[in-house]
N, C-alpha and C. Protein backbone atom coordinates (compact mmCIF):
# COMPACT_ATOMS: atom_id res chain seq x y z
N UNK A 1 17.94 -27.00 -94.17
CA UNK A 1 18.00 -26.14 -93.02
C UNK A 1 16.97 -25.04 -93.17
N UNK A 2 16.19 -24.88 -92.12
CA UNK A 2 15.14 -23.88 -92.17
C UNK A 2 15.69 -22.56 -91.63
N UNK A 3 15.29 -21.47 -92.26
CA UNK A 3 15.70 -20.16 -91.77
C UNK A 3 14.54 -19.54 -90.99
N UNK A 4 14.92 -18.81 -90.02
CA UNK A 4 13.92 -18.17 -89.19
C UNK A 4 13.54 -16.83 -89.81
N UNK A 5 12.27 -16.60 -89.89
CA UNK A 5 11.80 -15.35 -90.50
C UNK A 5 11.85 -14.23 -89.47
N UNK A 6 12.47 -13.15 -89.84
CA UNK A 6 12.57 -11.99 -88.98
C UNK A 6 11.29 -11.18 -89.07
N UNK A 7 10.89 -10.56 -87.99
CA UNK A 7 9.66 -9.75 -88.06
C UNK A 7 9.85 -8.57 -89.00
N UNK A 8 8.76 -8.21 -89.64
CA UNK A 8 8.81 -7.06 -90.54
C UNK A 8 9.09 -5.79 -89.72
N UNK A 9 9.84 -4.92 -90.32
CA UNK A 9 10.17 -3.66 -89.65
C UNK A 9 9.00 -2.71 -89.84
N UNK A 10 8.60 -2.13 -88.75
CA UNK A 10 7.48 -1.20 -88.77
C UNK A 10 8.04 0.21 -88.98
N UNK A 11 7.83 0.75 -90.17
CA UNK A 11 8.36 2.08 -90.49
C UNK A 11 7.76 3.16 -89.60
N UNK A 12 6.52 3.00 -89.19
CA UNK A 12 5.90 3.98 -88.33
C UNK A 12 6.61 4.03 -86.98
N UNK A 13 6.96 2.87 -86.49
CA UNK A 13 7.63 2.79 -85.20
C UNK A 13 9.00 3.45 -85.25
N UNK A 14 9.71 3.23 -86.33
CA UNK A 14 11.04 3.82 -86.48
C UNK A 14 10.93 5.34 -86.56
N UNK A 15 9.98 5.82 -87.32
CA UNK A 15 9.85 7.26 -87.46
C UNK A 15 9.44 7.91 -86.14
N UNK A 16 8.63 7.22 -85.33
CA UNK A 16 8.26 7.76 -84.02
C UNK A 16 9.47 7.88 -83.12
N UNK A 17 10.33 6.85 -83.13
CA UNK A 17 11.53 6.89 -82.31
C UNK A 17 12.46 8.01 -82.77
N UNK A 18 12.58 8.15 -84.07
CA UNK A 18 13.44 9.19 -84.62
C UNK A 18 12.90 10.58 -84.25
N UNK A 19 11.58 10.75 -84.33
CA UNK A 19 10.98 12.02 -83.97
C UNK A 19 11.16 12.30 -82.48
N UNK A 20 11.06 11.26 -81.67
CA UNK A 20 11.23 11.44 -80.23
C UNK A 20 12.65 11.90 -79.92
N UNK A 21 13.64 11.33 -80.60
CA UNK A 21 15.03 11.74 -80.39
C UNK A 21 15.22 13.19 -80.84
N UNK A 22 14.66 13.53 -82.00
CA UNK A 22 14.78 14.90 -82.50
C UNK A 22 14.11 15.89 -81.55
N UNK A 23 12.96 15.50 -81.03
CA UNK A 23 12.24 16.37 -80.10
C UNK A 23 13.05 16.56 -78.83
N UNK A 24 13.66 15.49 -78.33
CA UNK A 24 14.47 15.59 -77.11
C UNK A 24 15.66 16.51 -77.34
N UNK A 25 16.31 16.39 -78.50
CA UNK A 25 17.44 17.25 -78.81
C UNK A 25 17.00 18.71 -78.88
N UNK A 26 15.86 18.95 -79.48
CA UNK A 26 15.35 20.31 -79.59
C UNK A 26 15.01 20.87 -78.20
N UNK A 27 14.42 20.02 -77.35
CA UNK A 27 14.10 20.45 -75.98
C UNK A 27 15.37 20.79 -75.21
N UNK A 28 16.42 19.97 -75.38
CA UNK A 28 17.69 20.23 -74.69
C UNK A 28 18.29 21.56 -75.14
N UNK A 29 18.19 21.84 -76.44
CA UNK A 29 18.71 23.10 -76.97
C UNK A 29 17.91 24.27 -76.40
N UNK A 30 16.58 24.11 -76.31
CA UNK A 30 15.74 25.17 -75.76
C UNK A 30 16.08 25.43 -74.30
N UNK A 31 16.31 24.35 -73.54
CA UNK A 31 16.65 24.50 -72.12
C UNK A 31 17.98 25.24 -71.96
N UNK A 32 18.96 24.87 -72.78
CA UNK A 32 20.26 25.53 -72.71
C UNK A 32 20.13 27.00 -73.07
N UNK A 33 19.32 27.29 -74.08
CA UNK A 33 19.11 28.67 -74.49
C UNK A 33 18.39 29.45 -73.39
N UNK A 34 17.40 28.80 -72.75
CA UNK A 34 16.67 29.45 -71.66
C UNK A 34 17.60 29.76 -70.50
N UNK A 35 18.53 28.84 -70.19
CA UNK A 35 19.48 29.07 -69.10
C UNK A 35 20.39 30.25 -69.41
N UNK A 36 20.88 30.31 -70.64
CA UNK A 36 21.77 31.42 -70.98
C UNK A 36 21.01 32.74 -71.00
N UNK A 37 19.77 32.71 -71.49
CA UNK A 37 18.94 33.92 -71.46
C UNK A 37 18.68 34.36 -70.03
N UNK A 38 18.41 33.39 -69.16
CA UNK A 38 18.16 33.70 -67.75
C UNK A 38 19.37 34.39 -67.14
N UNK A 39 20.56 33.84 -67.39
CA UNK A 39 21.79 34.41 -66.83
C UNK A 39 21.99 35.84 -67.36
N UNK A 40 21.76 36.05 -68.64
CA UNK A 40 21.91 37.39 -69.21
C UNK A 40 20.92 38.37 -68.60
N UNK A 41 19.68 37.91 -68.38
CA UNK A 41 18.67 38.77 -67.79
C UNK A 41 19.00 39.11 -66.34
N UNK A 42 19.54 38.15 -65.61
CA UNK A 42 19.92 38.40 -64.22
C UNK A 42 21.02 39.46 -64.16
N UNK A 43 22.00 39.34 -65.02
CA UNK A 43 23.09 40.32 -65.05
C UNK A 43 22.55 41.70 -65.41
N UNK A 44 21.66 41.75 -66.39
CA UNK A 44 21.07 43.03 -66.79
C UNK A 44 20.29 43.67 -65.63
N UNK A 45 19.54 42.85 -64.89
CA UNK A 45 18.77 43.37 -63.77
C UNK A 45 19.68 43.83 -62.63
N UNK A 46 20.75 43.10 -62.39
CA UNK A 46 21.69 43.49 -61.32
C UNK A 46 22.37 44.82 -61.64
N UNK A 47 22.53 45.12 -62.92
CA UNK A 47 23.11 46.41 -63.29
C UNK A 47 22.14 47.56 -63.01
N UNK A 48 20.83 47.26 -62.98
CA UNK A 48 19.82 48.28 -62.72
C UNK A 48 19.62 48.55 -61.23
N UNK A 49 20.14 47.67 -60.38
CA UNK A 49 19.92 47.78 -58.94
C UNK A 49 20.59 49.02 -58.38
N UNK A 50 19.89 49.69 -57.50
CA UNK A 50 20.45 50.85 -56.81
C UNK A 50 21.07 50.35 -55.51
N UNK A 51 22.38 50.16 -55.52
CA UNK A 51 23.07 49.62 -54.36
C UNK A 51 23.26 50.71 -53.31
N UNK A 52 23.15 50.36 -52.01
CA UNK A 52 23.34 51.36 -50.96
C UNK A 52 24.80 51.79 -50.87
N UNK A 53 24.99 53.01 -50.37
CA UNK A 53 26.36 53.49 -50.22
C UNK A 53 27.00 52.84 -49.00
N UNK A 54 28.31 52.99 -48.88
CA UNK A 54 29.04 52.41 -47.76
C UNK A 54 28.53 52.99 -46.45
N UNK A 55 28.24 54.28 -46.46
CA UNK A 55 27.74 54.97 -45.26
C UNK A 55 26.41 54.37 -44.83
N UNK A 56 25.51 54.13 -45.78
CA UNK A 56 24.21 53.55 -45.46
C UNK A 56 24.34 52.14 -44.89
N UNK A 57 25.24 51.36 -45.45
CA UNK A 57 25.45 49.99 -44.98
C UNK A 57 25.98 49.99 -43.55
N UNK A 58 26.94 50.86 -43.26
CA UNK A 58 27.51 50.94 -41.92
C UNK A 58 26.43 51.38 -40.92
N UNK A 59 25.61 52.35 -41.30
CA UNK A 59 24.55 52.84 -40.43
C UNK A 59 23.53 51.73 -40.14
N UNK A 60 23.10 51.01 -41.16
CA UNK A 60 22.13 49.93 -40.98
C UNK A 60 22.72 48.80 -40.14
N UNK A 61 23.99 48.51 -40.33
CA UNK A 61 24.65 47.47 -39.53
C UNK A 61 24.70 47.88 -38.07
N UNK A 62 24.99 49.14 -37.80
CA UNK A 62 25.00 49.64 -36.42
C UNK A 62 23.65 49.50 -35.76
N UNK A 63 22.59 49.79 -36.50
CA UNK A 63 21.23 49.67 -35.96
C UNK A 63 20.94 48.21 -35.62
N UNK A 64 21.30 47.31 -36.49
CA UNK A 64 21.05 45.88 -36.27
C UNK A 64 21.83 45.39 -35.04
N UNK A 65 23.08 45.78 -34.91
CA UNK A 65 23.90 45.37 -33.77
C UNK A 65 23.32 45.93 -32.47
N UNK A 66 22.92 47.19 -32.47
CA UNK A 66 22.37 47.83 -31.27
C UNK A 66 21.07 47.15 -30.84
N UNK A 67 20.18 46.90 -31.77
CA UNK A 67 18.91 46.24 -31.44
C UNK A 67 19.15 44.83 -30.94
N UNK A 68 20.07 44.12 -31.56
CA UNK A 68 20.39 42.75 -31.13
C UNK A 68 20.95 42.74 -29.71
N UNK A 69 21.84 43.68 -29.40
CA UNK A 69 22.41 43.77 -28.05
C UNK A 69 21.32 44.10 -27.03
N UNK A 70 20.45 45.05 -27.35
CA UNK A 70 19.37 45.42 -26.44
C UNK A 70 18.44 44.24 -26.18
N UNK A 71 18.10 43.53 -27.24
CA UNK A 71 17.23 42.37 -27.10
C UNK A 71 17.90 41.28 -26.27
N UNK A 72 19.20 41.11 -26.47
CA UNK A 72 19.95 40.12 -25.69
C UNK A 72 19.93 40.46 -24.21
N UNK A 73 20.08 41.73 -23.89
CA UNK A 73 20.04 42.17 -22.49
C UNK A 73 18.65 41.92 -21.88
N UNK A 74 17.60 42.26 -22.62
CA UNK A 74 16.23 42.06 -22.13
C UNK A 74 15.97 40.58 -21.89
N UNK A 75 16.34 39.73 -22.82
CA UNK A 75 16.12 38.29 -22.66
C UNK A 75 16.95 37.76 -21.49
N UNK A 76 18.17 38.25 -21.34
CA UNK A 76 19.01 37.84 -20.21
C UNK A 76 18.40 38.22 -18.89
N UNK A 77 17.84 39.43 -18.80
CA UNK A 77 17.18 39.87 -17.56
C UNK A 77 15.96 39.01 -17.23
N UNK A 78 15.14 38.72 -18.25
CA UNK A 78 13.98 37.86 -18.01
C UNK A 78 14.42 36.46 -17.57
N UNK A 79 15.46 35.95 -18.17
CA UNK A 79 15.98 34.63 -17.80
C UNK A 79 16.43 34.64 -16.34
N UNK A 80 17.16 35.66 -15.95
CA UNK A 80 17.63 35.76 -14.56
C UNK A 80 16.44 35.88 -13.60
N UNK A 81 15.46 36.71 -13.96
CA UNK A 81 14.28 36.91 -13.12
C UNK A 81 13.51 35.61 -12.94
N UNK A 82 13.21 34.93 -14.04
CA UNK A 82 12.44 33.69 -13.95
C UNK A 82 13.21 32.58 -13.24
N UNK A 83 14.49 32.47 -13.46
CA UNK A 83 15.26 31.43 -12.77
C UNK A 83 15.34 31.71 -11.27
N UNK A 84 15.42 32.99 -10.88
CA UNK A 84 15.41 33.34 -9.46
C UNK A 84 14.05 33.02 -8.83
N UNK A 85 12.97 33.36 -9.54
CA UNK A 85 11.62 33.07 -9.01
C UNK A 85 11.40 31.57 -8.88
N UNK A 86 11.79 30.80 -9.87
CA UNK A 86 11.62 29.35 -9.81
C UNK A 86 12.49 28.77 -8.69
N UNK A 87 13.68 29.32 -8.48
CA UNK A 87 14.53 28.88 -7.39
C UNK A 87 13.90 29.13 -6.02
N UNK A 88 13.21 30.27 -5.89
CA UNK A 88 12.53 30.57 -4.63
C UNK A 88 11.33 29.66 -4.39
N UNK A 89 10.59 29.36 -5.46
CA UNK A 89 9.41 28.52 -5.35
C UNK A 89 9.80 27.07 -5.04
N UNK A 90 10.76 26.53 -5.77
CA UNK A 90 11.16 25.13 -5.63
C UNK A 90 12.04 24.94 -4.41
N UNK A 91 12.94 25.85 -4.18
CA UNK A 91 14.00 25.65 -3.26
C UNK A 91 13.85 26.04 -1.89
C-alpha cells in the first residue's frame, strides 16, 4: 500500500498567519481604547461648555416662534394674492 506524501509545512507561511492574527488583535485593542478615550474626551469637553440659562433659552425660543409666525403670515398673504391673481387671469 502506497502512502500519500503530505506537502511540507512552510514555516514562513505559518508565522505570517500568526503575525496577522496578532496584528488584528492589537488593532482591535487600539480601536477599543480609542473609543473609550473618545468618550472620555467628549464628557470632559461637555463639562467645559457654557450652557445658556433658562431665561436665555425661553427668550431665544420666543424669538424663533415670533419670526416663524411672521414668516408664515407673509407666505400666506403671498399665496392668497397669487392665487387670486391667477384666478382672475384664468377664470
